[in-house]
N, C-alpha and C. Protein backbone atom coordinates (compact mmCIF):
# COMPACT_ATOMS: atom_id res chain seq x y z
N UNK A 1 24.77 146.79 125.01
CA UNK A 1 25.97 146.53 125.68
C UNK A 1 26.52 145.39 124.77
N UNK A 2 25.94 144.34 125.30
CA UNK A 2 26.24 143.08 124.54
C UNK A 2 26.58 143.16 122.87
N UNK A 3 25.92 143.63 122.10
CA UNK A 3 26.13 144.10 120.71
C UNK A 3 27.22 145.16 120.25
N UNK A 4 27.37 146.15 122.00
CA UNK A 4 28.24 146.72 121.78
C UNK A 4 29.63 145.84 121.47
N UNK A 5 29.66 145.15 122.75
CA UNK A 5 30.74 144.23 122.83
C UNK A 5 31.50 143.52 121.54
N UNK A 6 30.35 143.01 120.70
CA UNK A 6 30.25 142.37 119.71
C UNK A 6 31.32 142.61 118.30
N UNK A 7 30.20 144.10 118.61
CA UNK A 7 31.01 144.88 117.49
C UNK A 7 32.16 145.39 117.60
N UNK A 8 33.29 145.26 118.61
CA UNK A 8 34.39 146.04 118.91
C UNK A 8 34.91 144.23 118.54
N UNK A 9 34.72 143.44 118.57
CA UNK A 9 34.98 141.80 118.71
C UNK A 9 35.27 141.40 117.36
N UNK A 10 34.18 142.01 116.68
CA UNK A 10 33.96 141.87 114.85
C UNK A 10 35.55 143.10 114.79
N UNK A 11 35.95 144.11 114.73
CA UNK A 11 36.30 145.05 114.49
C UNK A 11 38.16 144.72 114.49
N UNK A 12 38.21 144.37 116.06
CA UNK A 12 39.32 143.95 116.12
C UNK A 12 39.82 142.33 115.78
N UNK A 13 38.68 141.81 115.06
CA UNK A 13 39.14 140.23 114.63
C UNK A 13 39.58 140.96 112.42
N UNK A 14 39.47 141.94 112.01
CA UNK A 14 39.19 142.25 110.78
C UNK A 14 40.40 142.94 111.01
N UNK A 15 40.97 143.89 112.31
CA UNK A 15 41.75 144.31 112.29
C UNK A 15 42.97 143.37 112.36
N UNK A 16 42.66 141.94 112.58
CA UNK A 16 44.40 141.42 113.05
C UNK A 16 44.20 140.81 111.63
N UNK A 17 43.21 140.81 111.13
CA UNK A 17 43.11 139.97 109.21
C UNK A 17 43.91 140.82 108.84
N UNK A 18 43.64 142.14 108.74
CA UNK A 18 44.15 143.04 107.78
C UNK A 18 45.79 143.13 108.26
N UNK A 19 46.32 143.31 109.31
CA UNK A 19 47.55 143.46 109.98
C UNK A 19 48.48 142.22 109.59
N UNK A 20 48.02 141.02 109.85
CA UNK A 20 48.11 139.70 109.50
C UNK A 20 48.75 139.56 108.17
N UNK A 21 47.68 140.38 106.69
CA UNK A 21 47.71 140.33 105.53
C UNK A 21 49.07 141.23 104.91
N UNK A 22 48.89 142.25 105.87
CA UNK A 22 50.19 143.83 105.15
C UNK A 22 51.16 142.87 105.56
N UNK A 23 51.89 141.88 106.55
CA UNK A 23 53.07 141.78 107.30
C UNK A 23 53.95 141.35 106.07
N UNK A 24 55.15 141.54 106.04
CA UNK A 24 55.61 141.49 104.63
C UNK A 24 56.76 139.61 105.40
N UNK A 25 56.20 138.97 104.62
CA UNK A 25 56.43 137.46 104.78
C UNK A 25 58.20 137.43 104.63
N UNK A 26 58.82 137.26 105.80
CA UNK A 26 60.46 136.57 106.14
C UNK A 26 60.97 135.06 105.88
N UNK A 27 60.73 134.51 104.28
CA UNK A 27 61.14 133.44 104.20
C UNK A 27 62.40 132.47 104.70
N UNK A 28 63.34 133.63 104.39
CA UNK A 28 65.00 133.21 104.66
C UNK A 28 64.71 132.70 106.41
N UNK A 29 64.08 134.11 107.24
CA UNK A 29 64.15 133.77 108.45
C UNK A 29 63.74 132.56 108.96
N UNK A 30 62.21 131.99 108.26
CA UNK A 30 61.18 130.99 108.70
C UNK A 30 62.43 130.18 108.51
N UNK A 31 62.84 130.20 107.77
CA UNK A 31 64.12 128.58 107.04
C UNK A 31 64.81 128.61 108.43
N UNK A 32 65.83 129.50 108.60
CA UNK A 32 66.71 129.31 109.26
C UNK A 32 65.92 128.88 111.03
N UNK A 33 64.85 129.35 111.68
CA UNK A 33 64.39 128.90 112.72
C UNK A 33 63.71 127.53 112.05
N UNK A 34 63.47 127.15 111.17
CA UNK A 34 63.04 125.63 111.28
C UNK A 34 64.23 124.49 111.28
N UNK A 35 65.22 124.86 110.21
CA UNK A 35 66.43 124.17 110.19
C UNK A 35 67.44 124.43 111.52
N UNK A 36 66.93 125.15 112.54
CA UNK A 36 67.84 124.80 113.40
C UNK A 36 67.52 123.81 114.56
N UNK A 37 66.49 123.14 114.65
CA UNK A 37 66.57 121.77 115.14
C UNK A 37 66.51 120.97 114.79
N UNK A 38 67.56 120.13 114.63
CA UNK A 38 67.36 118.38 113.69
C UNK A 38 67.39 117.48 114.20
N UNK A 39 66.88 117.55 115.87
CA UNK A 39 66.40 115.97 116.32
C UNK A 39 64.92 115.64 115.18
N UNK A 40 64.33 114.44 115.61
CA UNK A 40 63.21 113.87 115.68
C UNK A 40 62.37 114.32 115.93
N UNK A 41 61.42 115.52 116.70
CA UNK A 41 60.69 115.95 117.31
C UNK A 41 60.10 115.76 118.33
N UNK A 42 60.93 114.45 119.08
CA UNK A 42 60.48 114.17 120.18
C UNK A 42 61.55 115.06 121.35
N UNK A 43 60.85 115.28 122.75
CA UNK A 43 61.32 115.60 123.96
C UNK A 43 61.65 114.25 124.37
N UNK A 44 63.06 114.80 124.80
CA UNK A 44 64.16 113.71 125.99
C UNK A 44 64.80 114.24 126.93
N UNK A 45 64.40 113.06 127.63
CA UNK A 45 65.11 113.45 128.85
C UNK A 45 65.88 112.37 129.17
N UNK A 46 67.03 112.99 129.86
CA UNK A 46 68.20 112.08 130.41
C UNK A 46 68.29 112.33 132.06
N UNK A 47 68.11 111.00 132.49
CA UNK A 47 68.43 111.56 133.93
C UNK A 47 69.66 111.04 134.55
N UNK A 48 70.10 111.96 135.15
CA UNK A 48 71.97 112.32 135.42
C UNK A 48 72.15 111.41 136.20
N UNK A 49 71.31 110.51 137.41
CA UNK A 49 72.31 109.60 137.77
C UNK A 49 72.32 108.58 137.00
N UNK A 50 71.76 107.78 136.18
CA UNK A 50 71.70 106.51 135.40
C UNK A 50 72.55 107.02 134.13
N UNK A 51 73.82 107.90 134.37
CA UNK A 51 74.40 107.96 133.40
C UNK A 51 76.02 107.56 133.78
N UNK A 52 76.66 106.89 133.97
CA UNK A 52 78.09 106.38 134.80
C UNK A 52 79.16 107.58 134.31
N UNK A 53 78.81 107.97 132.96
CA UNK A 53 80.24 108.60 132.98
C UNK A 53 79.94 110.23 133.74
N UNK A 54 78.99 110.68 134.53
CA UNK A 54 78.58 111.77 135.62
C UNK A 54 79.66 111.77 136.39
N UNK A 55 79.92 110.16 136.69
CA UNK A 55 80.35 110.32 138.15
C UNK A 55 79.52 109.51 139.26
N UNK A 56 80.07 110.07 140.38
CA UNK A 56 79.32 109.59 141.73
C UNK A 56 78.16 110.74 141.85
N UNK A 57 76.71 110.17 141.97
CA UNK A 57 75.95 111.32 142.28
C UNK A 57 75.18 110.19 143.23
N UNK A 58 73.76 111.22 144.71
CA UNK A 58 73.21 110.36 145.51
C UNK A 58 72.17 110.49 144.82
N UNK A 59 71.64 108.92 145.10
CA UNK A 59 70.34 108.52 144.43
C UNK A 59 68.90 108.52 145.32
N UNK A 60 69.55 108.61 146.45
CA UNK A 60 68.53 108.73 147.77
C UNK A 60 68.80 108.31 149.37
N UNK A 61 68.29 108.85 150.45
CA UNK A 61 69.13 109.00 151.39
C UNK A 61 67.88 108.92 152.60
N UNK A 62 68.48 108.22 153.65
CA UNK A 62 67.46 108.06 155.05
C UNK A 62 68.33 107.52 155.79
N UNK A 63 67.47 107.79 157.19
CA UNK A 63 68.34 108.32 158.28
C UNK A 63 69.12 107.61 158.52
N UNK A 64 69.65 106.10 157.75
CA UNK A 64 70.79 105.32 158.28
C UNK A 64 71.75 106.09 157.40
N UNK A 65 71.56 106.70 156.02
CA UNK A 65 72.62 106.99 155.02
C UNK A 65 72.59 107.24 153.60
N UNK A 66 73.26 106.48 153.03
CA UNK A 66 72.70 107.18 151.33
C UNK A 66 72.99 106.14 150.44
N UNK A 67 72.20 106.12 149.46
CA UNK A 67 72.41 105.30 148.45
C UNK A 67 72.94 106.14 146.97
N UNK A 68 73.80 105.27 146.54
CA UNK A 68 75.22 106.27 144.97
C UNK A 68 73.89 105.44 144.04
N UNK A 69 74.09 106.00 142.68
CA UNK A 69 74.08 105.62 141.50
C UNK A 69 74.56 104.41 140.87
N UNK A 70 75.48 104.07 141.95
CA UNK A 70 76.62 103.01 141.37
C UNK A 70 76.02 102.04 142.24
N UNK A 71 74.70 101.76 142.83
CA UNK A 71 74.36 100.65 143.29
C UNK A 71 74.46 100.69 144.92
N UNK A 72 75.77 101.46 145.32
CA UNK A 72 76.30 100.94 146.84
C UNK A 72 75.62 101.80 147.73
N UNK A 73 75.73 101.57 149.05
CA UNK A 73 74.87 102.13 150.01
C UNK A 73 76.36 102.90 151.28
N UNK A 74 75.75 103.68 151.66
CA UNK A 74 76.88 104.32 152.34
C UNK A 74 76.21 104.47 153.95
N UNK A 75 76.65 103.98 154.86
CA UNK A 75 75.61 104.34 156.39
C UNK A 75 76.74 105.33 157.00
N UNK A 76 75.95 106.30 157.42
CA UNK A 76 76.04 107.29 157.97
C UNK A 76 76.47 108.06 157.35
N UNK A 77 77.08 109.26 157.42
CA UNK A 77 77.39 110.57 157.09
C UNK A 77 78.53 110.39 156.33
N UNK A 78 79.06 110.93 155.24
CA UNK A 78 79.95 110.91 154.23
C UNK A 78 80.14 112.25 153.58
N UNK A 79 81.42 111.79 152.95
CA UNK A 79 82.05 112.93 152.01
C UNK A 79 81.96 112.38 150.45
N UNK A 80 81.27 112.98 149.43
CA UNK A 80 81.09 112.42 148.46
C UNK A 80 81.99 113.38 147.27
N UNK A 81 83.19 112.85 146.41
CA UNK A 81 83.91 113.46 145.42
C UNK A 81 83.04 113.28 144.31
N UNK A 82 83.66 113.95 143.27
CA UNK A 82 82.80 112.96 141.88
C UNK A 82 83.13 111.77 141.41
N UNK A 83 84.19 111.53 142.31
CA UNK A 83 84.69 109.85 141.38
C UNK A 83 85.09 108.95 143.34
N UNK A 84 84.53 109.79 144.17
CA UNK A 84 85.25 108.99 145.51
C UNK A 84 84.20 109.06 146.49
N UNK A 85 84.28 108.25 147.63
CA UNK A 85 83.34 108.75 148.31
C UNK A 85 83.84 108.05 149.83
N UNK A 86 84.06 108.76 150.38
CA UNK A 86 84.68 108.58 151.66
C UNK A 86 83.58 108.67 153.04
N UNK A 87 83.60 107.80 154.17
CA UNK A 87 82.51 108.27 155.40
C UNK A 87 83.52 109.01 156.39
N UNK A 88 82.47 109.70 157.17
CA UNK A 88 82.93 111.29 157.34
C UNK A 88 82.63 111.13 159.13
N UNK A 89 83.65 110.80 159.97
CA UNK A 89 83.57 110.59 161.57
C UNK A 89 82.50 111.81 162.01
N UNK A 90 81.27 112.27 161.37
CA UNK A 90 80.46 113.22 162.22
C UNK A 90 79.28 112.50 162.66
N UNK A 91 78.74 113.33 164.28
CA UNK A 91 77.23 112.99 164.21
C UNK A 91 76.54 113.78 163.95
N UNK A 92 76.99 115.19 164.24
CA UNK A 92 75.95 116.12 164.10
C UNK A 92 76.37 117.55 163.47
N UNK A 93 75.78 118.20 163.24
CA UNK A 93 76.38 119.68 162.55
C UNK A 93 77.47 120.19 163.71
N UNK A 94 77.12 119.61 164.80
CA UNK A 94 77.71 120.52 166.03
C UNK A 94 79.42 119.78 166.58
N UNK A 95 79.57 118.82 165.49
CA UNK A 95 80.93 118.28 165.13
C UNK A 95 81.86 118.50 164.40
N UNK A 96 81.23 119.26 163.19
CA UNK A 96 81.79 120.27 162.38
C UNK A 96 82.97 121.26 162.99
N UNK A 97 84.05 120.86 162.62
CA UNK A 97 84.97 121.60 163.04
C UNK A 97 86.27 121.44 161.76
N UNK A 98 87.62 122.40 162.54
CA UNK A 98 89.11 122.47 161.39
C UNK A 98 89.33 121.05 161.63
N UNK A 99 89.22 120.01 162.46
CA UNK A 99 89.51 118.72 162.72
C UNK A 99 88.68 117.77 161.35
N UNK A 100 87.41 118.06 161.85
CA UNK A 100 86.55 117.27 160.77
C UNK A 100 86.38 117.58 159.47
N UNK A 101 87.11 118.72 158.79
CA UNK A 101 87.15 118.88 157.66
C UNK A 101 88.64 119.31 157.34
N UNK A 102 89.64 118.86 158.14
CA UNK A 102 90.90 118.75 157.68
C UNK A 102 91.40 118.20 156.30
N UNK A 103 90.63 117.09 155.84
CA UNK A 103 91.11 116.42 154.78
C UNK A 103 90.57 117.21 153.68
N UNK A 104 89.29 118.22 153.95
CA UNK A 104 88.89 118.94 152.56
C UNK A 104 89.25 120.37 151.98
N UNK A 105 90.12 120.45 153.59
CA UNK A 105 90.71 121.86 153.69
C UNK A 105 92.61 121.85 152.85
N UNK A 106 92.82 120.19 153.06
CA UNK A 106 93.89 120.28 152.25
C UNK A 106 94.40 119.66 150.91
N UNK A 107 93.27 119.63 150.55
CA UNK A 107 93.08 119.08 149.22
C UNK A 107 93.94 120.05 148.07
N UNK A 108 94.81 119.69 147.06
CA UNK A 108 95.41 120.37 146.23
C UNK A 108 94.88 119.90 145.07
N UNK A 109 94.38 120.44 143.98
CA UNK A 109 93.97 121.73 143.46
C UNK A 109 92.88 121.88 144.45
N UNK A 110 92.41 122.84 145.04
CA UNK A 110 91.32 123.27 145.97
C UNK A 110 90.13 123.30 145.55
N UNK A 111 89.38 122.61 146.39
CA UNK A 111 87.66 122.70 145.59
C UNK A 111 87.37 123.67 145.28
N UNK A 112 86.44 123.72 144.47
CA UNK A 112 85.46 124.85 143.77
C UNK A 112 84.61 125.84 144.65
N UNK A 113 83.57 124.42 145.07
CA UNK A 113 82.32 124.61 146.41
C UNK A 113 82.60 123.71 147.00
N UNK A 114 82.46 123.68 148.63
CA UNK A 114 82.28 122.60 149.38
C UNK A 114 80.96 122.83 149.82
N UNK A 115 80.04 121.57 149.78
CA UNK A 115 78.56 121.60 149.74
C UNK A 115 78.26 121.36 151.28
N UNK A 116 78.24 121.59 152.23
CA UNK A 116 77.63 120.65 153.67
C UNK A 116 76.26 120.72 153.78
N UNK A 117 75.29 119.61 153.65
CA UNK A 117 74.43 118.89 154.44
C UNK A 117 74.11 118.92 155.65
N UNK A 118 73.29 119.44 156.13
CA UNK A 118 73.18 119.60 157.82
C UNK A 118 71.92 118.96 158.06
N UNK A 119 71.80 117.45 157.41
CA UNK A 119 70.74 117.03 158.22
C UNK A 119 69.19 117.52 158.12
N UNK A 120 68.43 117.60 158.84
CA UNK A 120 67.10 118.21 158.97
C UNK A 120 67.14 119.31 159.48
N UNK A 121 68.59 119.75 160.19
CA UNK A 121 68.83 120.66 160.74
C UNK A 121 68.86 122.36 160.20
N UNK A 122 68.19 122.68 160.80
CA UNK A 122 67.35 124.34 159.98
C UNK A 122 69.32 125.40 160.18
N UNK A 123 69.19 126.06 158.68
CA UNK A 123 70.56 126.56 158.73
C UNK A 123 70.82 127.68 159.27
N UNK A 124 71.17 128.05 160.03
CA UNK A 124 71.31 129.30 160.71
C UNK A 124 72.49 130.44 160.22
N UNK A 125 72.44 131.66 160.55
CA UNK A 125 73.40 132.25 160.60
C UNK A 125 74.58 132.60 161.37
N UNK A 126 74.51 131.87 162.40
CA UNK A 126 75.45 131.56 163.32
C UNK A 126 76.40 130.42 162.62
N UNK A 127 75.64 129.42 162.93
CA UNK A 127 76.49 127.75 161.91
C UNK A 127 76.82 128.64 160.72
N UNK A 128 76.11 129.26 160.08
CA UNK A 128 77.16 129.33 158.66
C UNK A 128 78.20 130.14 158.92
N UNK A 129 78.52 131.11 160.12
CA UNK A 129 79.15 132.25 160.43
C UNK A 129 80.29 131.05 161.10
N UNK A 130 80.04 130.18 162.03
CA UNK A 130 81.26 129.13 162.50
C UNK A 130 81.59 128.55 161.23
N UNK A 131 81.14 127.76 160.52
CA UNK A 131 81.83 127.04 160.15
C UNK A 131 82.57 127.94 158.62
N UNK A 132 81.95 129.44 158.11
CA UNK A 132 82.87 129.90 157.63
C UNK A 132 83.94 130.38 158.09
N UNK A 133 83.88 130.50 159.56
CA UNK A 133 85.32 131.21 159.79
C UNK A 133 86.45 130.04 159.76
N UNK A 134 86.00 129.10 159.84
CA UNK A 134 86.75 127.72 159.30
C UNK A 134 87.49 127.85 158.26
N UNK A 135 86.48 128.29 156.85
CA UNK A 135 87.07 127.51 155.78
C UNK A 135 87.79 129.24 155.34
N UNK A 136 87.07 129.86 155.82
CA UNK A 136 87.58 131.09 154.88
C UNK A 136 89.39 131.45 154.76
N UNK A 137 89.79 131.22 155.28
CA UNK A 137 91.40 131.13 155.38
C UNK A 137 92.18 130.27 154.26
N UNK A 138 91.12 129.45 154.04
CA UNK A 138 91.77 128.06 152.80
C UNK A 138 91.24 128.66 151.33
N UNK A 139 90.94 129.70 151.69
CA UNK A 139 90.00 130.43 150.13
C UNK A 139 88.86 129.49 149.65
N UNK A 140 88.09 128.29 149.92
CA UNK A 140 87.26 127.55 149.66
C UNK A 140 85.81 128.00 149.94
N UNK A 141 84.97 128.25 148.84
CA UNK A 141 83.65 128.48 148.77
C UNK A 141 83.04 127.53 149.22
N UNK A 142 81.71 127.64 150.32
CA UNK A 142 80.96 126.58 151.22
C UNK A 142 79.62 127.05 150.27
N UNK A 143 78.82 126.25 150.98
CA UNK A 143 77.31 126.57 150.41
C UNK A 143 76.53 125.29 152.09
N UNK A 144 76.07 126.01 152.93
CA UNK A 144 75.47 124.82 153.77
C UNK A 144 73.70 124.74 153.44
N UNK A 145 73.43 123.78 153.57
CA UNK A 145 72.46 123.43 152.96
C UNK A 145 71.66 122.15 153.58
N UNK A 146 70.14 122.01 153.86
CA UNK A 146 69.51 120.96 154.49
C UNK A 146 69.59 119.70 153.32
N UNK A 147 70.43 118.67 153.92
CA UNK A 147 71.01 117.23 153.32
C UNK A 147 69.89 117.27 151.54
N UNK A 148 68.50 117.60 151.99
CA UNK A 148 68.28 116.86 150.61
C UNK A 148 68.35 117.66 149.34
N UNK A 149 68.51 118.71 149.88
CA UNK A 149 68.89 120.27 148.61
C UNK A 149 70.19 119.81 148.70
N UNK A 150 71.26 119.73 149.72
CA UNK A 150 72.39 119.11 149.24
C UNK A 150 72.70 118.11 148.22
N UNK A 151 71.78 117.17 148.61
CA UNK A 151 71.94 115.83 147.49
C UNK A 151 71.92 116.20 145.89
N UNK A 152 71.08 117.41 145.84
CA UNK A 152 70.85 118.00 144.99
C UNK A 152 71.09 118.62 144.16
N UNK A 153 72.02 119.99 144.83
CA UNK A 153 72.78 120.47 144.25
C UNK A 153 74.61 119.96 144.12
N UNK A 154 74.99 118.89 144.87
CA UNK A 154 75.91 118.07 144.53
C UNK A 154 75.56 117.21 142.57
N UNK A 155 74.25 116.50 142.89
CA UNK A 155 74.00 116.00 141.56
C UNK A 155 74.15 116.91 140.30
N UNK A 156 73.98 118.12 140.74
CA UNK A 156 73.91 119.29 139.68
C UNK A 156 75.01 119.90 139.26
N UNK A 157 75.74 119.81 140.17
CA UNK A 157 77.33 120.38 139.87
C UNK A 157 78.09 119.62 139.58
N UNK A 158 78.20 118.28 140.01
CA UNK A 158 78.93 117.35 139.62
C UNK A 158 78.53 116.96 138.06
N UNK A 159 77.05 117.03 137.73
CA UNK A 159 77.22 116.76 136.06
C UNK A 159 77.33 117.68 135.53
N UNK A 160 78.04 118.42 135.75
CA UNK A 160 78.82 119.93 135.02
C UNK A 160 80.44 120.37 135.24
N UNK A 161 80.87 118.54 135.66
CA UNK A 161 82.40 118.42 135.64
C UNK A 161 82.55 119.63 136.63
N UNK A 162 82.61 119.99 137.80
CA UNK A 162 82.92 120.88 138.29
C UNK A 162 83.97 120.50 139.51
N UNK A 163 84.75 120.63 139.95
CA UNK A 163 85.81 120.18 141.50
C UNK A 163 84.83 120.02 142.22
N UNK A 164 84.07 119.67 142.80
CA UNK A 164 83.40 120.03 144.45
C UNK A 164 83.50 118.83 144.67
N UNK A 165 83.32 118.98 146.08
CA UNK A 165 82.97 117.74 147.11
C UNK A 165 81.63 118.08 147.84
N UNK A 166 80.73 117.16 148.65
CA UNK A 166 79.42 117.29 149.49
C UNK A 166 79.78 116.46 150.64
N UNK A 167 80.08 117.27 151.80
CA UNK A 167 79.72 116.54 153.75
C UNK A 167 78.28 116.18 153.61
N UNK A 168 77.73 115.35 153.53
CA UNK A 168 76.51 115.33 154.24
C UNK A 168 76.39 114.15 155.21
N UNK A 169 75.27 114.98 156.06
CA UNK A 169 74.74 113.91 157.17
C UNK A 169 73.60 113.67 157.24
N UNK A 170 72.92 112.49 157.36
CA UNK A 170 71.98 112.09 157.14
C UNK A 170 70.80 112.75 158.30
N UNK A 171 69.62 113.33 157.59
CA UNK A 171 68.42 113.45 158.86
C UNK A 171 68.55 112.38 159.80
N UNK A 172 67.87 113.20 161.01
CA UNK A 172 67.23 112.31 162.18
C UNK A 172 65.54 111.99 161.56
N UNK A 173 64.99 112.46 161.08
CA UNK A 173 64.00 111.97 160.88
C UNK A 173 63.50 112.46 159.30
N UNK A 174 62.39 111.69 158.54
CA UNK A 174 62.24 112.11 157.08
C UNK A 174 60.98 112.31 157.33
N UNK A 175 60.44 113.40 156.40
CA UNK A 175 59.26 113.83 156.50
C UNK A 175 58.62 112.98 155.00
N UNK A 176 56.99 112.87 154.82
CA UNK A 176 56.91 111.91 153.78
C UNK A 176 55.81 112.47 153.33
N UNK A 177 55.31 112.56 152.30
CA UNK A 177 54.58 113.06 151.47
C UNK A 177 53.57 111.94 151.16
N UNK A 178 52.37 112.55 150.61
CA UNK A 178 51.37 111.04 150.01
C UNK A 178 51.92 110.43 148.90
N UNK A 179 52.90 111.21 147.77
CA UNK A 179 53.31 110.72 146.53
C UNK A 179 54.05 109.03 147.05
N UNK A 180 55.04 110.08 148.60
CA UNK A 180 55.91 108.40 148.91
C UNK A 180 55.67 107.14 149.37
N UNK A 181 53.99 107.63 150.12
CA UNK A 181 53.51 106.43 150.63
C UNK A 181 52.64 105.94 149.89
N UNK A 182 52.25 106.35 148.22
CA UNK A 182 52.06 105.95 147.43
C UNK A 182 53.43 105.33 146.79
N UNK A 183 54.21 105.67 146.46
CA UNK A 183 55.02 104.38 146.19
C UNK A 183 55.58 103.49 147.12
N UNK A 184 55.53 103.23 148.04
CA UNK A 184 56.11 102.18 148.98
C UNK A 184 54.50 101.52 148.87
N UNK A 185 53.39 101.60 148.55
CA UNK A 185 52.11 101.05 148.94
C UNK A 185 52.10 100.11 147.79
N UNK A 186 53.19 100.79 146.34
CA UNK A 186 53.01 99.97 145.28
C UNK A 186 53.92 99.05 145.29
N UNK A 187 55.37 99.29 146.18
CA UNK A 187 56.23 98.72 146.03
C UNK A 187 56.29 97.30 146.78
N UNK A 188 55.46 97.62 147.69
CA UNK A 188 54.89 96.61 148.81
C UNK A 188 54.03 95.37 147.49
N UNK A 189 53.47 95.95 147.22
CA UNK A 189 52.42 95.29 146.13
C UNK A 189 53.02 94.34 145.09
N UNK A 190 54.25 94.95 144.58
CA UNK A 190 55.02 94.97 143.46
C UNK A 190 56.24 93.04 144.20
N UNK A 191 56.22 93.34 145.60
CA UNK A 191 57.21 92.62 145.97
C UNK A 191 55.84 91.17 147.04
N UNK A 192 55.11 92.06 147.23
CA UNK A 192 54.20 90.40 148.03
C UNK A 192 52.98 90.26 147.69
N UNK A 193 52.41 90.63 146.66
CA UNK A 193 51.24 90.46 145.89
C UNK A 193 50.19 91.53 146.62
N UNK A 194 49.15 91.10 146.04
CA UNK A 194 48.49 92.60 146.30
C UNK A 194 47.75 92.07 147.86
N UNK A 195 46.75 93.00 149.27
CA UNK A 195 46.70 92.75 150.08
C UNK A 195 45.69 92.33 150.40
N UNK A 196 45.05 90.78 150.71
CA UNK A 196 43.75 90.62 151.01
C UNK A 196 42.75 91.83 152.17
N UNK A 197 43.77 92.51 153.28
CA UNK A 197 43.18 93.54 153.86
C UNK A 197 42.75 94.76 153.30
N UNK A 198 43.59 95.31 152.17
CA UNK A 198 43.38 96.42 151.20
C UNK A 198 41.44 96.41 150.94
N UNK A 199 40.88 97.70 151.23
CA UNK A 199 39.98 97.62 150.65
C UNK A 199 39.81 97.90 149.31
N UNK A 200 39.13 97.30 147.93
CA UNK A 200 39.03 97.85 146.74
C UNK A 200 38.14 98.87 146.57
N UNK A 201 38.36 100.02 145.99
CA UNK A 201 37.07 100.88 145.61
C UNK A 201 36.62 100.30 143.91
N UNK A 202 35.93 100.24 143.88
CA UNK A 202 34.84 100.01 142.57
C UNK A 202 33.78 101.03 142.41
N UNK A 203 34.04 101.13 140.55
CA UNK A 203 32.63 102.79 140.19
C UNK A 203 31.68 101.40 139.87
């Protein structure tokens, strides 16, 4: 059985070799593909939040508010535009009504998209329908998301130079993962030096 499997493998290898030898080589196509990339061969990553030409973006958030890419912090809920940020006078999604959205609905030209960050509250069909009934007569598209996803969505849409706004409510409670805790421990070590109570593991 093993030998039979080996023979099939050898047959397949010889077929592949013959197939490659019989294939016509298209040198023009190869040349076009190789010259289509003019870079230095290295992959480059561009952090959108570090580019001031991209406009305002949300770098981070907490229970207290938001930190923007221009080093400013906003305490509490906010409405952020590509070049402007305003404080938003709501405490929770229950306070979102036509009065609290009046400025966003009165803009001319109207927004392409309004992103609403609901804090850590789940987006339910009832909540979506309630806010949609307020915004629909004005012809503005809305997107209801949890605040962490809403911040990311706003940043990407803003980087595409779209006329959008995000009305964001900070979450009541943050969820941490292991990477967050590790980053905090590393930052504390940088600020205050190594802790003598930390157990050092040596191999």
